[in-house]
């Protein structure tokens, strides 16, 4: 990148990242590649996991934000 891209994060987001860092340890990425520690997880990693555990055609990784949104709407008081 030619310049730094800063994104403000909520306190809760920072807590999640800090918890993930406890697992990823000294990796340069919060979600490191399983084979190459110094590279990030691939964008297809979660999709491949879904396929292996039997969710092929039932759910896709980019469906989580929509699912979370719907869930949160039904939980409002």
N, C-alpha and C. Protein backbone atom coordinates (compact mmCIF):
# COMPACT_ATOMS: atom_id res chain seq x y z
N UNK A 1 0.83 -1.18 0.00
CA UNK A 1 0.00 0.00 0.00
C UNK A 1 0.87 1.24 0.00
N UNK A 2 0.40 2.24 -0.66
CA UNK A 2 1.15 3.48 -0.73
C UNK A 2 1.01 4.32 0.52
N UNK A 3 -0.14 4.19 1.18
CA UNK A 3 -0.31 4.94 2.43
C UNK A 3 -1.11 4.09 3.41
N UNK A 4 -0.96 4.40 4.65
CA UNK A 4 -1.63 3.66 5.71
C UNK A 4 -3.14 3.88 5.65
N UNK A 5 -3.91 2.82 5.87
CA UNK A 5 -5.37 2.90 5.88
C UNK A 5 -5.84 2.66 7.31
N UNK A 6 -6.31 3.68 7.97
CA UNK A 6 -6.73 3.57 9.36
C UNK A 6 -8.24 3.40 9.44
N UNK A 7 -8.68 2.44 10.26
CA UNK A 7 -10.09 2.19 10.46
C UNK A 7 -10.36 2.20 11.97
N UNK A 8 -11.23 3.10 12.44
CA UNK A 8 -11.52 3.12 13.87
C UNK A 8 -12.31 1.87 14.26
N UNK A 9 -11.97 1.29 15.40
CA UNK A 9 -12.65 0.08 15.86
C UNK A 9 -13.32 0.33 17.20
N UNK A 10 -14.43 -0.34 17.41
CA UNK A 10 -15.13 -0.25 18.69
C UNK A 10 -14.33 -0.98 19.76
N UNK A 11 -14.65 -0.72 21.01
CA UNK A 11 -13.99 -1.39 22.12
C UNK A 11 -14.19 -2.90 22.01
N UNK A 12 -15.40 -3.33 21.62
CA UNK A 12 -15.70 -4.74 21.50
C UNK A 12 -14.86 -5.40 20.39
N UNK A 13 -14.68 -4.69 19.29
CA UNK A 13 -13.86 -5.22 18.19
C UNK A 13 -12.42 -5.41 18.64
N UNK A 14 -11.92 -4.46 19.37
CA UNK A 14 -10.54 -4.55 19.87
C UNK A 14 -10.41 -5.73 20.83
N UNK A 15 -11.42 -5.95 21.66
CA UNK A 15 -11.38 -7.10 22.59
C UNK A 15 -11.34 -8.43 21.82
N UNK A 16 -12.10 -8.53 20.74
CA UNK A 16 -12.10 -9.75 19.92
C UNK A 16 -10.73 -9.96 19.29
N UNK A 17 -10.15 -8.91 18.77
CA UNK A 17 -8.83 -9.02 18.14
C UNK A 17 -7.78 -9.40 19.18
N UNK A 18 -7.86 -8.82 20.36
CA UNK A 18 -6.90 -9.17 21.41
C UNK A 18 -7.05 -10.64 21.82
N UNK A 19 -8.27 -11.14 21.87
CA UNK A 19 -8.49 -12.55 22.20
C UNK A 19 -7.93 -13.46 21.10
N UNK A 20 -8.13 -13.07 19.86
CA UNK A 20 -7.59 -13.85 18.74
C UNK A 20 -6.06 -13.83 18.75
N UNK A 21 -5.48 -12.73 19.15
CA UNK A 21 -4.01 -12.62 19.23
C UNK A 21 -3.42 -13.61 20.22
N UNK A 22 -4.19 -13.94 21.26
CA UNK A 22 -3.71 -14.93 22.23
C UNK A 22 -3.54 -16.29 21.57
N UNK A 23 -4.34 -16.56 20.54
CA UNK A 23 -4.25 -17.83 19.82
C UNK A 23 -3.17 -17.76 18.74
N UNK A 24 -3.14 -16.65 17.99
CA UNK A 24 -2.20 -16.54 16.88
C UNK A 24 -0.78 -16.20 17.34
N UNK A 25 -0.64 -15.77 18.58
CA UNK A 25 0.69 -15.51 19.15
C UNK A 25 1.49 -14.46 18.42
N UNK A 26 2.69 -14.84 17.98
CA UNK A 26 3.61 -13.89 17.36
C UNK A 26 3.42 -13.75 15.85
N UNK A 27 2.36 -14.33 15.32
CA UNK A 27 2.13 -14.23 13.87
C UNK A 27 1.93 -12.76 13.50
N UNK A 28 2.38 -12.35 12.32
CA UNK A 28 2.20 -10.96 11.91
C UNK A 28 0.74 -10.63 11.57
N UNK A 29 -0.12 -11.67 11.51
CA UNK A 29 -1.54 -11.47 11.20
C UNK A 29 -2.39 -12.05 12.32
N UNK A 30 -3.55 -11.46 12.56
CA UNK A 30 -4.46 -11.99 13.58
C UNK A 30 -4.96 -13.36 13.16
N UNK A 31 -5.21 -13.54 11.85
CA UNK A 31 -5.66 -14.81 11.31
C UNK A 31 -4.62 -15.32 10.32
N UNK A 32 -3.58 -15.99 10.82
CA UNK A 32 -2.49 -16.43 9.94
C UNK A 32 -2.88 -17.63 9.08
N UNK A 33 -2.13 -17.84 8.03
CA UNK A 33 -2.28 -18.98 7.14
C UNK A 33 -1.85 -20.22 7.91
N UNK A 34 -2.58 -21.32 7.74
CA UNK A 34 -2.26 -22.56 8.47
C UNK A 34 -0.92 -23.16 8.04
N UNK A 35 -0.54 -22.95 6.78
CA UNK A 35 0.70 -23.54 6.26
C UNK A 35 1.89 -22.59 6.35
N UNK A 36 1.66 -21.33 6.09
CA UNK A 36 2.73 -20.32 6.08
C UNK A 36 2.43 -19.27 7.12
N UNK A 37 3.09 -19.40 8.26
CA UNK A 37 2.88 -18.56 9.42
C UNK A 37 2.97 -17.06 9.10
N UNK A 38 3.83 -16.70 8.15
CA UNK A 38 4.05 -15.29 7.85
C UNK A 38 3.09 -14.72 6.81
N UNK A 39 2.09 -15.53 6.39
CA UNK A 39 1.11 -15.06 5.40
C UNK A 39 -0.28 -15.05 6.04
N UNK A 40 -1.19 -14.23 5.53
CA UNK A 40 -2.54 -14.20 6.10
C UNK A 40 -3.37 -15.41 5.66
N UNK A 41 -4.41 -15.70 6.40
CA UNK A 41 -5.36 -16.73 6.03
C UNK A 41 -5.94 -16.37 4.66
N UNK A 42 -6.14 -17.35 3.80
CA UNK A 42 -6.68 -17.04 2.48
C UNK A 42 -8.16 -16.69 2.59
N UNK A 43 -8.65 -15.98 1.60
CA UNK A 43 -10.07 -15.60 1.63
C UNK A 43 -10.98 -16.81 1.43
N UNK A 44 -10.44 -17.92 0.96
CA UNK A 44 -11.24 -19.12 0.75
C UNK A 44 -11.18 -20.11 1.92
N UNK A 45 -10.38 -19.83 2.93
CA UNK A 45 -10.16 -20.79 4.02
C UNK A 45 -11.45 -21.20 4.71
N UNK A 46 -12.31 -20.26 5.03
CA UNK A 46 -13.55 -20.58 5.72
C UNK A 46 -14.48 -21.37 4.80
N UNK A 47 -14.54 -21.00 3.52
CA UNK A 47 -15.35 -21.75 2.56
C UNK A 47 -14.91 -23.20 2.45
N UNK A 48 -13.60 -23.43 2.42
CA UNK A 48 -13.08 -24.80 2.37
C UNK A 48 -13.46 -25.56 3.65
N UNK A 49 -13.41 -24.88 4.78
CA UNK A 49 -13.79 -25.50 6.04
C UNK A 49 -15.27 -25.91 5.99
N UNK A 50 -16.12 -25.03 5.51
CA UNK A 50 -17.55 -25.37 5.39
C UNK A 50 -17.74 -26.61 4.53
N UNK A 51 -17.03 -26.68 3.42
CA UNK A 51 -17.15 -27.84 2.54
C UNK A 51 -16.76 -29.13 3.27
N UNK A 52 -15.67 -29.07 4.02
CA UNK A 52 -15.17 -30.27 4.71
C UNK A 52 -16.10 -30.75 5.82
N UNK A 53 -16.82 -29.83 6.46
CA UNK A 53 -17.69 -30.22 7.58
C UNK A 53 -19.14 -30.42 7.17
N UNK A 54 -19.41 -30.40 5.86
CA UNK A 54 -20.74 -30.73 5.38
C UNK A 54 -21.69 -29.57 5.15
N UNK A 55 -21.21 -28.34 5.12
CA UNK A 55 -22.07 -27.19 4.89
C UNK A 55 -22.08 -26.71 3.43
N UNK A 56 -21.48 -27.49 2.53
CA UNK A 56 -21.43 -27.08 1.13
C UNK A 56 -22.84 -26.85 0.60
N UNK A 57 -23.08 -25.68 0.05
CA UNK A 57 -24.39 -25.35 -0.49
C UNK A 57 -25.42 -24.94 0.55
N UNK A 58 -25.05 -25.00 1.82
CA UNK A 58 -25.99 -24.64 2.88
C UNK A 58 -25.71 -23.27 3.47
N UNK A 59 -24.44 -22.89 3.49
CA UNK A 59 -24.06 -21.60 4.06
C UNK A 59 -22.74 -21.17 3.43
N UNK A 60 -22.55 -19.87 3.33
CA UNK A 60 -21.30 -19.33 2.78
C UNK A 60 -20.73 -18.33 3.77
N UNK A 61 -19.42 -18.15 3.78
CA UNK A 61 -18.81 -17.23 4.75
C UNK A 61 -19.39 -15.82 4.72
N UNK A 62 -19.67 -15.29 3.54
CA UNK A 62 -20.17 -13.91 3.49
C UNK A 62 -21.62 -13.82 3.94
N UNK A 63 -22.23 -14.94 4.33
CA UNK A 63 -23.59 -14.92 4.85
C UNK A 63 -23.67 -14.57 6.33
N UNK A 64 -22.54 -14.61 7.03
CA UNK A 64 -22.54 -14.33 8.47
C UNK A 64 -23.00 -12.93 8.84
N UNK A 65 -22.57 -11.88 8.15
CA UNK A 65 -23.07 -10.55 8.53
C UNK A 65 -24.59 -10.44 8.42
N UNK A 66 -25.16 -11.02 7.39
CA UNK A 66 -26.60 -10.98 7.22
C UNK A 66 -27.30 -11.77 8.34
N UNK A 67 -26.76 -12.94 8.65
CA UNK A 67 -27.32 -13.76 9.72
C UNK A 67 -27.27 -13.02 11.05
N UNK A 68 -26.13 -12.40 11.35
CA UNK A 68 -25.98 -11.65 12.60
C UNK A 68 -26.96 -10.49 12.66
N UNK A 69 -27.12 -9.79 11.55
CA UNK A 69 -28.05 -8.65 11.50
C UNK A 69 -29.47 -9.12 11.80
N UNK A 70 -29.90 -10.19 11.15
CA UNK A 70 -31.26 -10.71 11.37
C UNK A 70 -31.44 -11.16 12.81
N UNK A 71 -30.44 -11.84 13.34
CA UNK A 71 -30.51 -12.32 14.72
C UNK A 71 -30.64 -11.15 15.68
N UNK A 72 -29.83 -10.12 15.48
CA UNK A 72 -29.87 -8.97 16.38
C UNK A 72 -31.21 -8.23 16.30
N UNK A 73 -31.79 -8.16 15.13
CA UNK A 73 -33.10 -7.50 14.99
C UNK A 73 -34.18 -8.22 15.78
N UNK A 74 -34.11 -9.56 15.82
CA UNK A 74 -35.14 -10.32 16.53
C UNK A 74 -34.93 -10.28 18.03
N UNK A 75 -33.75 -9.87 18.48
CA UNK A 75 -33.42 -9.86 19.90
C UNK A 75 -33.64 -8.49 20.56
N UNK A 76 -34.03 -7.49 19.79
CA UNK A 76 -34.24 -6.17 20.38
C UNK A 76 -35.47 -6.19 21.27
N UNK A 77 -35.35 -5.46 22.40
CA UNK A 77 -36.40 -5.44 23.38
C UNK A 77 -37.60 -4.74 22.94
